Amino acid sequence: MKKDGKYRYSLQFGMNSEEEKRVGELLERLGNRKSKVLVAALNEYIANHPELENEHCEIKVNYQSVPMKLLEMKIRELIKEQFGGLTISSELNNEKNEQVYNVSQDIVDMLGDLELFQLR
């Protein structure tokens, strides 16, 4: 927004990726000196992507989806790494058996919920 001969903007983004965290930390460190860095960075980006200056340019964000089978395989590998060395003794008391069941059921529930992460 132009106001009093200056451009004024407010930015907000999450910390959902390493890229967002890295940029967020840099902007935090810059304090009130963000403008010069943002102007320089965006001018360089525009120089490499001149189509952005076209009034009718459409910006698309691309991301790579992970196939469901690959995601499930990776999760199973992680579970094996974490719990692969465990042995269950018949001498466990009921409380410990219940804890083992709860952990196992949580893993089963998590794997069952993988469909939530599938892009449609």
PDB file of N, CA and C in Angstrom:
ATOM      1  N   MET A   1       0.849  -1.158   0.000  1.00  0.00           N
ATOM      2  CA  MET A   1       0.000   0.000   0.000  1.00  0.00           C
ATOM      3  C   MET A   1       0.905   1.235   0.000  1.00  0.00           C
ATOM      4  N   LYS A   2       0.605   2.192  -0.869  1.00  0.00           N
ATOM      5  CA  LYS A   2       1.340   3.452  -0.891  1.00  0.00           C
ATOM      6  C   LYS A   2       0.719   4.383   0.135  1.00  0.00           C
ATOM      7  N   LYS A   3       1.583   4.991   0.935  1.00  0.00           N
ATOM      8  CA  LYS A   3       1.090   5.942   1.932  1.00  0.00           C
ATOM      9  C   LYS A   3       2.230   6.887   2.277  1.00  0.00           C
ATOM     10  N   ASP A   4       1.981   8.167   2.190  1.00  0.00           N
ATOM     11  CA  ASP A   4       2.976   9.189   2.522  1.00  0.00           C
ATOM     12  C   ASP A   4       4.268   9.007   1.731  1.00  0.00           C
ATOM     13  N   GLY A   5       4.158   8.646   0.454  1.00  0.00           N
ATOM     14  CA  GLY A   5       5.340   8.502  -0.383  1.00  0.00           C
ATOM     15  C   GLY A   5       6.165   7.265  -0.088  1.00  0.00           C
ATOM     16  N   LYS A   6       5.607   6.303   0.643  1.00  0.00           N
ATOM     17  CA  LYS A   6       6.305   5.055   0.975  1.00  0.00           C
ATOM     18  C   LYS A   6       5.383   3.880   0.704  1.00  0.00           C
ATOM     19  N   TYR A   7       5.993   2.736   0.471  1.00  0.00           N
ATOM     20  CA  TYR A   7       5.240   1.491   0.353  1.00  0.00           C
ATOM     21  C   TYR A   7       5.269   0.822   1.723  1.00  0.00           C
ATOM     22  N   ARG A   8       4.112   0.424   2.198  1.00  0.00           N
ATOM     23  CA  ARG A   8       4.030  -0.214   3.510  1.00  0.00           C
ATOM     24  C   ARG A   8       3.317  -1.569   3.370  1.00  0.00           C
ATOM     25  N   TYR A   9       3.949  -2.607   3.911  1.00  0.00           N
ATOM     26  CA  TYR A   9       3.383  -3.949   3.832  1.00  0.00           C
ATOM     27  C   TYR A   9       3.594  -4.678   5.155  1.00  0.00           C
ATOM     28  N   SER A  10       2.743  -5.623   5.381  1.00  0.00           N
ATOM     29  CA  SER A  10       2.887  -6.501   6.537  1.00  0.00           C
ATOM     30  C   SER A  10       2.985  -7.926   6.000  1.00  0.00           C
ATOM     31  N   LEU A  11       3.966  -8.667   6.451  1.00  0.00           N
ATOM     32  CA  LEU A  11       4.159 -10.044   6.002  1.00  0.00           C
ATOM     33  C   LEU A  11       3.905 -10.999   7.157  1.00  0.00           C
ATOM     34  N   GLN A  12       3.357 -12.141   6.816  1.00  0.00           N
ATOM     35  CA  GLN A  12       3.180 -13.183   7.820  1.00  0.00           C
ATOM     36  C   GLN A  12       3.280 -14.520   7.117  1.00  0.00           C
ATOM     37  N   PHE A  13       4.081 -15.413   7.659  1.00  0.00           N
ATOM     38  CA  PHE A  13       4.164 -16.772   7.130  1.00  0.00           C
ATOM     39  C   PHE A  13       4.537 -17.688   8.277  1.00  0.00           C
ATOM     40  N   GLY A  14       4.281 -18.960   8.071  1.00  0.00           N
ATOM     41  CA  GLY A  14       4.501 -19.949   9.122  1.00  0.00           C
ATOM     42  C   GLY A  14       5.947 -20.386   9.249  1.00  0.00           C
ATOM     43  N   MET A  15       6.140 -21.391  10.063  1.00  0.00           N
ATOM     44  CA  MET A  15       7.451 -22.009  10.242  1.00  0.00           C
ATOM     45  C   MET A  15       7.342 -23.478   9.869  1.00  0.00           C
ATOM     46  N   ASN A  16       6.682 -23.731   8.742  1.00  0.00           N
ATOM     47  CA  ASN A  16       6.381 -25.099   8.339  1.00  0.00           C
ATOM     48  C   ASN A  16       7.495 -25.786   7.579  1.00  0.00           C
ATOM     49  N   SER A  17       8.465 -25.019   7.118  1.00  0.00           N
ATOM     50  CA  SER A  17       9.564 -25.626   6.360  1.00  0.00           C
ATOM     51  C   SER A  17      10.871 -24.975   6.795  1.00  0.00           C
ATOM     52  N   GLU A  18      11.963 -25.623   6.421  1.00  0.00           N
ATOM     53  CA  GLU A  18      13.283 -25.064   6.740  1.00  0.00           C
ATOM     54  C   GLU A  18      13.480 -23.728   6.036  1.00  0.00           C
ATOM     55  N   GLU A  19      12.934 -23.597   4.821  1.00  0.00           N
ATOM     56  CA  GLU A  19      13.056 -22.345   4.077  1.00  0.00           C
ATOM     57  C   GLU A  19      12.379 -21.206   4.826  1.00  0.00           C
ATOM     58  N   GLU A  20      11.158 -21.462   5.310  1.00  0.00           N
ATOM     59  CA  GLU A  20      10.426 -20.432   6.050  1.00  0.00           C
ATOM     60  C   GLU A  20      11.148 -20.068   7.347  1.00  0.00           C
ATOM     61  N   LYS A  21      11.663 -21.075   8.034  1.00  0.00           N
ATOM     62  CA  LYS A  21      12.384 -20.810   9.285  1.00  0.00           C
ATOM     63  C   LYS A  21      13.635 -19.982   9.035  1.00  0.00           C
ATOM     64  N   ARG A  22      14.389 -20.344   7.986  1.00  0.00           N
ATOM     65  CA  ARG A  22      15.628 -19.637   7.670  1.00  0.00           C
ATOM     66  C   ARG A  22      15.343 -18.174   7.340  1.00  0.00           C
ATOM     67  N   VAL A  23      14.325 -17.922   6.504  1.00  0.00           N
ATOM     68  CA  VAL A  23      13.972 -16.553   6.143  1.00  0.00           C
ATOM     69  C   VAL A  23      13.437 -15.806   7.359  1.00  0.00           C
ATOM     70  N   GLY A  24      12.609 -16.461   8.141  1.00  0.00           N
ATOM     71  CA  GLY A  24      12.067 -15.821   9.344  1.00  0.00           C
ATOM     72  C   GLY A  24      13.155 -15.393  10.309  1.00  0.00           C
ATOM     73  N   GLU A  25      14.142 -16.263  10.512  1.00  0.00           N
ATOM     74  CA  GLU A  25      15.248 -15.926  11.416  1.00  0.00           C
ATOM     75  C   GLU A  25      16.063 -14.758  10.884  1.00  0.00           C
ATOM     76  N   LEU A  26      16.299 -14.735   9.567  1.00  0.00           N
ATOM     77  CA  LEU A  26      17.038 -13.613   8.981  1.00  0.00           C
ATOM     78  C   LEU A  26      16.264 -12.314   9.171  1.00  0.00           C
ATOM     79  N   LEU A  27      14.982 -12.329   8.877  1.00  0.00           N
ATOM     80  CA  LEU A  27      14.176 -11.115   9.024  1.00  0.00           C
ATOM     81  C   LEU A  27      14.132 -10.652  10.478  1.00  0.00           C
ATOM     82  N   GLU A  28      14.090 -11.585  11.410  1.00  0.00           N
ATOM     83  CA  GLU A  28      14.132 -11.225  12.835  1.00  0.00           C
ATOM     84  C   GLU A  28      15.432 -10.507  13.169  1.00  0.00           C
ATOM     85  N   ARG A  29      16.549 -11.050  12.678  1.00  0.00           N
ATOM     86  CA  ARG A  29      17.853 -10.451  12.974  1.00  0.00           C
ATOM     87  C   ARG A  29      17.998  -9.063  12.343  1.00  0.00           C
ATOM     88  N   LEU A  30      17.354  -8.864  11.191  1.00  0.00           N
ATOM     89  CA  LEU A  30      17.486  -7.583  10.504  1.00  0.00           C
ATOM     90  C   LEU A  30      16.745  -6.449  11.211  1.00  0.00           C
ATOM     91  N   GLY A  31      15.780  -6.817  12.038  1.00  0.00           N
ATOM     92  CA  GLY A  31      15.041  -5.777  12.763  1.00  0.00           C
ATOM     93  C   GLY A  31      14.397  -4.792  11.806  1.00  0.00           C
ATOM     94  N   ASN A  32      14.699  -3.500  11.990  1.00  0.00           N
ATOM     95  CA  ASN A  32      14.110  -2.445  11.161  1.00  0.00           C
ATOM     96  C   ASN A  32      14.874  -2.222   9.857  1.00  0.00           C
ATOM     97  N   ARG A  33      15.812  -3.087   9.530  1.00  0.00           N
ATOM     98  CA  ARG A  33      16.604  -2.933   8.303  1.00  0.00           C
ATOM     99  C   ARG A  33      16.197  -3.947   7.230  1.00  0.00           C
ATOM    100  N   LYS A  34      14.988  -4.461   7.309  1.00  0.00           N
ATOM    101  CA  LYS A  34      14.522  -5.487   6.375  1.00  0.00           C
ATOM    102  C   LYS A  34      14.357  -4.954   4.957  1.00  0.00           C
ATOM    103  N   SER A  35      13.941  -3.712   4.817  1.00  0.00           N
ATOM    104  CA  SER A  35      13.549  -3.165   3.518  1.00  0.00           C
ATOM    105  C   SER A  35      14.645  -3.287   2.475  1.00  0.00           C
ATOM    106  N   LYS A  36      15.861  -2.890   2.803  1.00  0.00           N
ATOM    107  CA  LYS A  36      16.943  -2.918   1.822  1.00  0.00           C
ATOM    108  C   LYS A  36      17.224  -4.335   1.340  1.00  0.00           C
ATOM    109  N   VAL A  37      17.189  -5.291   2.254  1.00  0.00           N
ATOM    110  CA  VAL A  37      17.446  -6.689   1.879  1.00  0.00           C
ATOM    111  C   VAL A  37      16.320  -7.218   1.001  1.00  0.00           C
ATOM    112  N   LEU A  38      15.070  -6.928   1.373  1.00  0.00           N
ATOM    113  CA  LEU A  38      13.940  -7.402   0.575  1.00  0.00           C
ATOM    114  C   LEU A  38      13.934  -6.766  -0.813  1.00  0.00           C
ATOM    115  N   VAL A  39      14.227  -5.488  -0.910  1.00  0.00           N
ATOM    116  CA  VAL A  39      14.267  -4.814  -2.213  1.00  0.00           C
ATOM    117  C   VAL A  39      15.357  -5.437  -3.082  1.00  0.00           C
ATOM    118  N   ALA A  40      16.541  -5.646  -2.523  1.00  0.00           N
ATOM    119  CA  ALA A  40      17.643  -6.241  -3.289  1.00  0.00           C
ATOM    120  C   ALA A  40      17.294  -7.661  -3.735  1.00  0.00           C
ATOM    121  N   ALA A  41      16.749  -8.466  -2.827  1.00  0.00           N
ATOM    122  CA  ALA A  41      16.422  -9.856  -3.148  1.00  0.00           C
ATOM    123  C   ALA A  41      15.334  -9.932  -4.210  1.00  0.00           C
ATOM    124  N   LEU A  42      14.289  -9.132  -4.072  1.00  0.00           N
ATOM    125  CA  LEU A  42      13.199  -9.182  -5.038  1.00  0.00           C
ATOM    126  C   LEU A  42      13.615  -8.614  -6.396  1.00  0.00           C
ATOM    127  N   ASN A  43      14.459  -7.595  -6.404  1.00  0.00           N
ATOM    128  CA  ASN A  43      14.944  -7.069  -7.688  1.00  0.00           C
ATOM    129  C   ASN A  43      15.776  -8.120  -8.417  1.00  0.00           C
ATOM    130  N   GLU A  44      16.588  -8.856  -7.691  1.00  0.00           N
ATOM    131  CA  GLU A  44      17.357  -9.932  -8.311  1.00  0.00           C
ATOM    132  C   GLU A  44      16.427 -11.019  -8.846  1.00  0.00           C
ATOM    133  N   TYR A  45      15.411 -11.351  -8.067  1.00  0.00           N
ATOM    134  CA  TYR A  45      14.448 -12.361  -8.496  1.00  0.00           C
ATOM    135  C   TYR A  45      13.691 -11.896  -9.736  1.00  0.00           C
ATOM    136  N   ILE A  46      13.267 -10.638  -9.746  1.00  0.00           N
ATOM    137  CA  ILE A  46      12.550 -10.094 -10.906  1.00  0.00           C
ATOM    138  C   ILE A  46      13.460 -10.081 -12.135  1.00  0.00           C
ATOM    139  N   ALA A  47      14.738  -9.771 -11.951  1.00  0.00           N
ATOM    140  CA  ALA A  47      15.681  -9.771 -13.073  1.00  0.00           C
ATOM    141  C   ALA A  47      15.777 -11.168 -13.689  1.00  0.00           C
ATOM    142  N   ASN A  48      15.688 -12.198 -12.859  1.00  0.00           N
ATOM    143  CA  ASN A  48      15.747 -13.578 -13.345  1.00  0.00           C
ATOM    144  C   ASN A  48      14.400 -14.092 -13.837  1.00  0.00           C
ATOM    145  N   HIS A  49      13.318 -13.394 -13.463  1.00  0.00           N
ATOM    146  CA  HIS A  49      11.960 -13.790 -13.860  1.00  0.00           C
ATOM    147  C   HIS A  49      11.189 -12.545 -14.318  1.00  0.00           C
ATOM    148  N   PRO A  50      11.578 -11.962 -15.453  1.00  0.00           N
ATOM    149  CA  PRO A  50      10.951 -10.706 -15.890  1.00  0.00           C
ATOM    150  C   PRO A  50       9.453 -10.835 -16.161  1.00  0.00           C
ATOM    151  N   GLU A  51       8.977 -12.045 -16.362  1.00  0.00           N
ATOM    152  CA  GLU A  51       7.542 -12.238 -16.598  1.00  0.00           C
ATOM    153  C   GLU A  51       6.691 -11.786 -15.409  1.00  0.00           C
ATOM    154  N   LEU A  52       7.299 -11.681 -14.235  1.00  0.00           N
ATOM    155  CA  LEU A  52       6.568 -11.235 -13.046  1.00  0.00           C
ATOM    156  C   LEU A  52       6.074  -9.795 -13.177  1.00  0.00           C
ATOM    157  N   GLU A  53       6.743  -9.020 -13.999  1.00  0.00           N
ATOM    158  CA  GLU A  53       6.345  -7.619 -14.166  1.00  0.00           C
ATOM    159  C   GLU A  53       5.111  -7.472 -15.062  1.00  0.00           C
ATOM    160  N   ASN A  54       4.742  -8.530 -15.745  1.00  0.00           N
ATOM    161  CA  ASN A  54       3.534  -8.514 -16.554  1.00  0.00           C
ATOM    162  C   ASN A  54       2.324  -8.455 -15.626  1.00  0.00           C
ATOM    163  N   GLU A  55       1.451  -7.520 -15.878  1.00  0.00           N
ATOM    164  CA  GLU A  55       0.272  -7.306 -15.030  1.00  0.00           C
ATOM    165  C   GLU A  55      -0.590  -8.550 -14.901  1.00  0.00           C
ATOM    166  N   HIS A  56      -0.596  -9.378 -15.923  1.00  0.00           N
ATOM    167  CA  HIS A  56      -1.461 -10.563 -15.933  1.00  0.00           C
ATOM    168  C   HIS A  56      -0.701 -11.846 -15.601  1.00  0.00           C
ATOM    169  N   CYS A  57       0.480 -11.716 -15.056  1.00  0.00           N
ATOM    170  CA  CYS A  57       1.287 -12.885 -14.703  1.00  0.00           C
ATOM    171  C   CYS A  57       0.612 -13.641 -13.562  1.00  0.00           C
ATOM    172  N   GLU A  58       0.552 -14.954 -13.729  1.00  0.00           N
ATOM    173  CA  GLU A  58      -0.024 -15.795 -12.681  1.00  0.00           C
ATOM    174  C   GLU A  58       1.107 -16.525 -11.971  1.00  0.00           C
ATOM    175  N   ILE A  59       1.115 -16.435 -10.667  1.00  0.00           N
ATOM    176  CA  ILE A  59       2.164 -17.085  -9.873  1.00  0.00           C
ATOM    177  C   ILE A  59       1.616 -18.393  -9.328  1.00  0.00           C
ATOM    178  N   LYS A  60       2.366 -19.473  -9.554  1.00  0.00           N
ATOM    179  CA  LYS A  60       1.976 -20.787  -9.050  1.00  0.00           C
ATOM    180  C   LYS A  60       3.067 -21.306  -8.130  1.00  0.00           C
ATOM    181  N   VAL A  61       2.666 -21.914  -7.057  1.00  0.00           N
ATOM    182  CA  VAL A  61       3.608 -22.548  -6.144  1.00  0.00           C
ATOM    183  C   VAL A  61       3.559 -24.040  -6.420  1.00  0.00           C
ATOM    184  N   ASN A  62       4.705 -24.613  -6.766  1.00  0.00           N
ATOM    185  CA  ASN A  62       4.782 -26.036  -7.058  1.00  0.00           C
ATOM    186  C   ASN A  62       5.382 -26.781  -5.881  1.00  0.00           C
ATOM    187  N   TYR A  63       4.880 -27.946  -5.634  1.00  0.00           N
ATOM    188  CA  TYR A  63       5.445 -28.809  -4.602  1.00  0.00           C
ATOM    189  C   TYR A  63       5.390 -30.237  -5.113  1.00  0.00           C
ATOM    190  N   GLN A  64       6.229 -31.045  -4.537  1.00  0.00           N
ATOM    191  CA  GLN A  64       6.317 -32.434  -4.966  1.00  0.00           C
ATOM    192  C   GLN A  64       5.609 -33.296  -3.937  1.00  0.00           C
ATOM    193  N   SER A  65       4.666 -34.083  -4.393  1.00  0.00           N
ATOM    194  CA  SER A  65       3.970 -34.968  -3.460  1.00  0.00           C
ATOM    195  C   SER A  65       4.757 -36.269  -3.319  1.00  0.00           C
ATOM    196  N   VAL A  66       4.583 -36.906  -2.197  1.00  0.00           N
ATOM    197  CA  VAL A  66       5.265 -38.169  -1.923  1.00  0.00           C
ATOM    198  C   VAL A  66       4.241 -39.282  -2.093  1.00  0.00           C
ATOM    199  N   PRO A  67       4.566 -40.289  -2.909  1.00  0.00           N
ATOM    200  CA  PRO A  67       3.619 -41.400  -3.074  1.00  0.00           C
ATOM    201  C   PRO A  67       3.322 -42.064  -1.731  1.00  0.00           C
ATOM    202  N   MET A  68       2.060 -42.439  -1.550  1.00  0.00           N
ATOM    203  CA  MET A  68       1.595 -43.013  -0.289  1.00  0.00           C
ATOM    204  C   MET A  68       2.417 -44.236   0.120  1.00  0.00           C
ATOM    205  N   LYS A  69       2.741 -45.110  -0.815  1.00  0.00           N
ATOM    206  CA  LYS A  69       3.508 -46.325  -0.494  1.00  0.00           C
ATOM    207  C   LYS A  69       4.900 -45.969   0.011  1.00  0.00           C
ATOM    208  N   LEU A  70       5.531 -44.965  -0.599  1.00  0.00           N
ATOM    209  CA  LEU A  70       6.860 -44.542  -0.160  1.00  0.00           C
ATOM    210  C   LEU A  70       6.787 -43.951   1.244  1.00  0.00           C
ATOM    211  N   LEU A  71       5.775 -43.139   1.500  1.00  0.00           N
ATOM    212  CA  LEU A  71       5.600 -42.553   2.831  1.00  0.00           C
ATOM    213  C   LEU A  71       5.394 -43.649   3.878  1.00  0.00           C
ATOM    214  N   GLU A  72       4.552 -44.609   3.570  1.00  0.00           N
ATOM    215  CA  GLU A  72       4.305 -45.711   4.499  1.00  0.00           C
ATOM    216  C   GLU A  72       5.580 -46.520   4.739  1.00  0.00           C
ATOM    217  N   MET A  73       6.336 -46.784   3.671  1.00  0.00           N
ATOM    218  CA  MET A  73       7.578 -47.543   3.798  1.00  0.00           C
ATOM    219  C   MET A  73       8.564 -46.804   4.715  1.00  0.00           C
ATOM    220  N   LYS A  74       8.706 -45.498   4.531  1.00  0.00           N
ATOM    221  CA  LYS A  74       9.627 -44.709   5.358  1.00  0.00           C
ATOM    222  C   LYS A  74       9.197 -44.723   6.822  1.00  0.00           C
ATOM    223  N   ILE A  75       7.904 -44.605   7.064  1.00  0.00           N
ATOM    224  CA  ILE A  75       7.415 -44.629   8.447  1.00  0.00           C
ATOM    225  C   ILE A  75       7.677 -45.982   9.080  1.00  0.00           C
ATOM    226  N   ARG A  76       7.448 -47.036   8.327  1.00  0.00           N
ATOM    227  CA  ARG A  76       7.719 -48.379   8.854  1.00  0.00           C
ATOM    228  C   ARG A  76       9.215 -48.556   9.174  1.00  0.00           C
ATOM    229  N   GLU A  77      10.091 -48.016   8.314  1.00  0.00           N
ATOM    230  CA  GLU A  77      11.535 -48.085   8.574  1.00  0.00           C
ATOM    231  C   GLU A  77      11.888 -47.350   9.864  1.00  0.00           C
ATOM    232  N   LEU A  78      11.295 -46.183  10.049  1.00  0.00           N
ATOM    233  CA  LEU A  78      11.564 -45.410  11.268  1.00  0.00           C
ATOM    234  C   LEU A  78      11.078 -46.149  12.510  1.00  0.00           C
ATOM    235  N   ILE A  79       9.928 -46.770  12.397  1.00  0.00           N
ATOM    236  CA  ILE A  79       9.387 -47.535  13.537  1.00  0.00           C
ATOM    237  C   ILE A  79      10.303 -48.703  13.853  1.00  0.00           C
ATOM    238  N   LYS A  80      10.775 -49.399  12.819  1.00  0.00           N
ATOM    239  CA  LYS A  80      11.705 -50.521  13.031  1.00  0.00           C
ATOM    240  C   LYS A  80      12.977 -50.045  13.726  1.00  0.00           C
ATOM    241  N   GLU A  81      13.503 -48.893  13.271  1.00  0.00           N
ATOM    242  CA  GLU A  81      14.713 -48.347  13.892  1.00  0.00           C
ATOM    243  C   GLU A  81      14.488 -48.053  15.369  1.00  0.00           C
ATOM    244  N   GLN A  82      13.323 -47.484  15.670  1.00  0.00           N
ATOM    245  CA  GLN A  82      13.036 -47.077  17.049  1.00  0.00           C
ATOM    246  C   GLN A  82      12.673 -48.254  17.948  1.00  0.00           C
ATOM    247  N   PHE A  83      11.919 -49.209  17.410  1.00  0.00           N
ATOM    248  CA  PHE A  83      11.392 -50.276  18.255  1.00  0.00           C
ATOM    249  C   PHE A  83      11.905 -51.656  17.877  1.00  0.00           C
ATOM    250  N   GLY A  84      12.761 -51.750  16.874  1.00  0.00           N
ATOM    251  CA  GLY A  84      13.231 -53.041  16.374  1.00  0.00           C
ATOM    252  C   GLY A  84      13.980 -53.860  17.400  1.00  0.00           C
ATOM    253  N   GLY A  85      14.705 -53.235  18.309  1.00  0.00           N
ATOM    254  CA  GLY A  85      15.505 -53.959  19.285  1.00  0.00           C
ATOM    255  C   GLY A  85      14.745 -54.339  20.539  1.00  0.00           C
ATOM    256  N   LEU A  86      13.476 -53.982  20.622  1.00  0.00           N
ATOM    257  CA  LEU A  86      12.694 -54.289  21.816  1.00  0.00           C
ATOM    258  C   LEU A  86      12.274 -55.753  21.828  1.00  0.00           C
ATOM    259  N   THR A  87      12.331 -56.333  23.004  1.00  0.00           N
ATOM    260  CA  THR A  87      11.785 -57.682  23.170  1.00  0.00           C
ATOM    261  C   THR A  87      10.747 -57.607  24.274  1.00  0.00           C
ATOM    262  N   ILE A  88       9.721 -58.381  24.116  1.00  0.00           N
ATOM    263  CA  ILE A  88       8.642 -58.375  25.107  1.00  0.00           C
ATOM    264  C   ILE A  88       8.782 -59.635  25.954  1.00  0.00           C
ATOM    265  N   SER A  89       8.913 -59.436  27.233  1.00  0.00           N
ATOM    266  CA  SER A  89       9.070 -60.550  28.157  1.00  0.00           C
ATOM    267  C   SER A  89       7.702 -60.938  28.709  1.00  0.00           C
ATOM    268  N   SER A  90       7.506 -62.227  28.934  1.00  0.00           N
ATOM    269  CA  SER A  90       6.238 -62.684  29.510  1.00  0.00           C
ATOM    270  C   SER A  90       6.130 -62.282  30.977  1.00  0.00           C
ATOM    271  N   GLU A  91       7.212 -61.777  31.560  1.00  0.00           N
ATOM    272  CA  GLU A  91       7.200 -61.379  32.961  1.00  0.00           C
ATOM    273  C   GLU A  91       6.719 -59.951  33.162  1.00  0.00           C
ATOM    274  N   LEU A  92       6.321 -59.264  32.090  1.00  0.00           N
ATOM    275  CA  LEU A  92       5.825 -57.899  32.240  1.00  0.00           C
ATOM    276  C   LEU A  92       4.529 -57.915  33.035  1.00  0.00           C
ATOM    277  N   ASN A  93       4.375 -56.926  33.887  1.00  0.00           N
ATOM    278  CA  ASN A  93       3.114 -56.874  34.630  1.00  0.00           C
ATOM    279  C   ASN A  93       2.035 -56.260  33.733  1.00  0.00           C
ATOM    280  N   ASN A  94       0.797 -56.265  34.202  1.00  0.00           N
ATOM    281  CA  ASN A  94      -0.332 -55.804  33.387  1.00  0.00           C
ATOM    282  C   ASN A  94      -0.164 -54.357  32.948  1.00  0.00           C
ATOM    283  N   GLU A  95       0.395 -53.523  33.828  1.00  0.00           N
ATOM    284  CA  GLU A  95       0.555 -52.106  33.489  1.00  0.00           C
ATOM    285  C   GLU A  95       1.500 -51.956  32.298  1.00  0.00           C
ATOM    286  N   LYS A  96       2.602 -52.687  32.307  1.00  0.00           N
ATOM    287  CA  LYS A  96       3.550 -52.599  31.204  1.00  0.00           C
ATOM    288  C   LYS A  96       2.948 -53.183  29.936  1.00  0.00           C
ATOM    289  N   ASN A  97       2.185 -54.271  30.061  1.00  0.00           N
ATOM    290  CA  ASN A  97       1.522 -54.849  28.885  1.00  0.00           C
ATOM    291  C   ASN A  97       0.573 -53.828  28.260  1.00  0.00           C
ATOM    292  N   GLU A  98      -0.131 -53.103  29.118  1.00  0.00           N
ATOM    293  CA  GLU A  98      -1.052 -52.078  28.631  1.00  0.00           C
ATOM    294  C   GLU A  98      -0.282 -50.984  27.893  1.00  0.00           C
ATOM    295  N   GLN A  99       0.896 -50.578  28.404  1.00  0.00           N
ATOM    296  CA  GLN A  99       1.707 -49.558  27.746  1.00  0.00           C
ATOM    297  C   GLN A  99       2.188 -50.052  26.380  1.00  0.00           C
ATOM    298  N   VAL A 100       2.613 -51.313  26.315  1.00  0.00           N
ATOM    299  CA  VAL A 100       3.070 -51.880  25.050  1.00  0.00           C
ATOM    300  C   VAL A 100       1.920 -51.897  24.061  1.00  0.00           C
ATOM    301  N   TYR A 101       0.731 -52.302  24.528  1.00  0.00           N
ATOM    302  CA  TYR A 101      -0.438 -52.317  23.651  1.00  0.00           C
ATOM    303  C   TYR A 101      -0.749 -50.911  23.155  1.00  0.00           C
ATOM    304  N   ASN A 102      -0.714 -49.918  24.059  1.00  0.00           N
ATOM    305  CA  ASN A 102      -1.027 -48.544  23.671  1.00  0.00           C
ATOM    306  C   ASN A 102      -0.048 -48.024  22.617  1.00  0.00           C
ATOM    307  N   VAL A 103       1.232 -48.308  22.772  1.00  0.00           N
ATOM    308  CA  VAL A 103       2.212 -47.878  21.785  1.00  0.00           C
ATOM    309  C   VAL A 103       1.925 -48.553  20.462  1.00  0.00           C
ATOM    310  N   SER A 104       1.680 -49.851  20.489  1.00  0.00           N
ATOM    311  CA  SER A 104       1.404 -50.583  19.257  1.00  0.00           C
ATOM    312  C   SER A 104       0.136 -50.063  18.600  1.00  0.00           C
ATOM    313  N   GLN A 105      -0.905 -49.836  19.381  1.00  0.00           N
ATOM    314  CA  GLN A 105      -2.164 -49.345  18.824  1.00  0.00           C
ATOM    315  C   GLN A 105      -1.985 -47.945  18.253  1.00  0.00           C
ATOM    316  N   ASP A 106      -1.179 -47.103  18.915  1.00  0.00           N
ATOM    317  CA  ASP A 106      -0.909 -45.760  18.396  1.00  0.00           C
ATOM    318  C   ASP A 106      -0.232 -45.833  17.027  1.00  0.00           C
ATOM    319  N   ILE A 107       0.695 -46.771  16.882  1.00  0.00           N
ATOM    320  CA  ILE A 107       1.386 -46.923  15.602  1.00  0.00           C
ATOM    321  C   ILE A 107       0.411 -47.402  14.539  1.00  0.00           C
ATOM    322  N   VAL A 108      -0.432 -48.356  14.879  1.00  0.00           N
ATOM    323  CA  VAL A 108      -1.436 -48.854  13.936  1.00  0.00           C
ATOM    324  C   VAL A 108      -2.369 -47.723  13.530  1.00  0.00           C
ATOM    325  N   ASP A 109      -2.809 -46.917  14.504  1.00  0.00           N
ATOM    326  CA  ASP A 109      -3.693 -45.788  14.209  1.00  0.00           C
ATOM    327  C   ASP A 109      -3.004 -44.778  13.300  1.00  0.00           C
ATOM    328  N   MET A 110      -1.731 -44.497  13.572  1.00  0.00           N
ATOM    329  CA  MET A 110      -0.983 -43.539  12.765  1.00  0.00           C
ATOM    330  C   MET A 110      -0.887 -44.024  11.322  1.00  0.00           C
ATOM    331  N   LEU A 111      -0.539 -45.291  11.138  1.00  0.00           N
ATOM    332  CA  LEU A 111      -0.427 -45.833   9.788  1.00  0.00           C
ATOM    333  C   LEU A 111      -1.781 -45.816   9.085  1.00  0.00           C
ATOM    334  N   GLY A 112      -2.842 -46.046   9.846  1.00  0.00           N
ATOM    335  CA  GLY A 112      -4.182 -45.992   9.266  1.00  0.00           C
ATOM    336  C   GLY A 112      -4.565 -44.594   8.830  1.00  0.00           C
ATOM    337  N   ASP A 113      -4.006 -43.588   9.488  1.00  0.00           N
ATOM    338  CA  ASP A 113      -4.316 -42.195   9.167  1.00  0.00           C
ATOM    339  C   ASP A 113      -3.470 -41.625   8.047  1.00  0.00           C
ATOM    340  N   LEU A 114      -2.602 -42.423   7.452  1.00  0.00           N
ATOM    341  CA  LEU A 114      -1.751 -41.922   6.374  1.00  0.00           C
ATOM    342  C   LEU A 114      -2.557 -41.348   5.221  1.00  0.00           C
ATOM    343  N   GLU A 115      -3.780 -41.825   5.043  1.00  0.00           N
ATOM    344  CA  GLU A 115      -4.603 -41.315   3.954  1.00  0.00           C
ATOM    345  C   GLU A 115      -4.841 -39.815   4.095  1.00  0.00           C
ATOM    346  N   LEU A 116      -4.773 -39.285   5.318  1.00  0.00           N
ATOM    347  CA  LEU A 116      -4.968 -37.853   5.524  1.00  0.00           C
ATOM    348  C   LEU A 116      -3.906 -37.033   4.832  1.00  0.00           C
ATOM    349  N   PHE A 117      -2.711 -37.614   4.617  1.00  0.00           N
ATOM    350  CA  PHE A 117      -1.586 -36.883   4.040  1.00  0.00           C
ATOM    351  C   PHE A 117      -1.528 -37.035   2.522  1.00  0.00           C
ATOM    352  N   GLN A 118      -2.422 -37.794   1.969  1.00  0.00           N
ATOM    353  CA  GLN A 118      -2.405 -38.020   0.530  1.00  0.00           C
ATOM    354  C   GLN A 118      -3.039 -36.822  -0.158  1.00  0.00           C
ATOM    355  N   LEU A 119      -2.361 -36.310  -1.176  1.00  0.00           N
ATOM    356  CA  LEU A 119      -2.891 -35.179  -1.954  1.00  0.00           C
ATOM    357  C   LEU A 119      -3.929 -35.691  -2.918  1.00  0.00           C
ATOM    358  N   ARG A 120      -4.944 -34.939  -3.063  1.00  0.00           N
ATOM    359  CA  ARG A 120      -6.041 -35.360  -3.966  1.00  0.00           C
ATOM    360  C   ARG A 120      -6.141 -34.432  -5.120  1.00  0.00           C
TER     361      ARG A 120
END
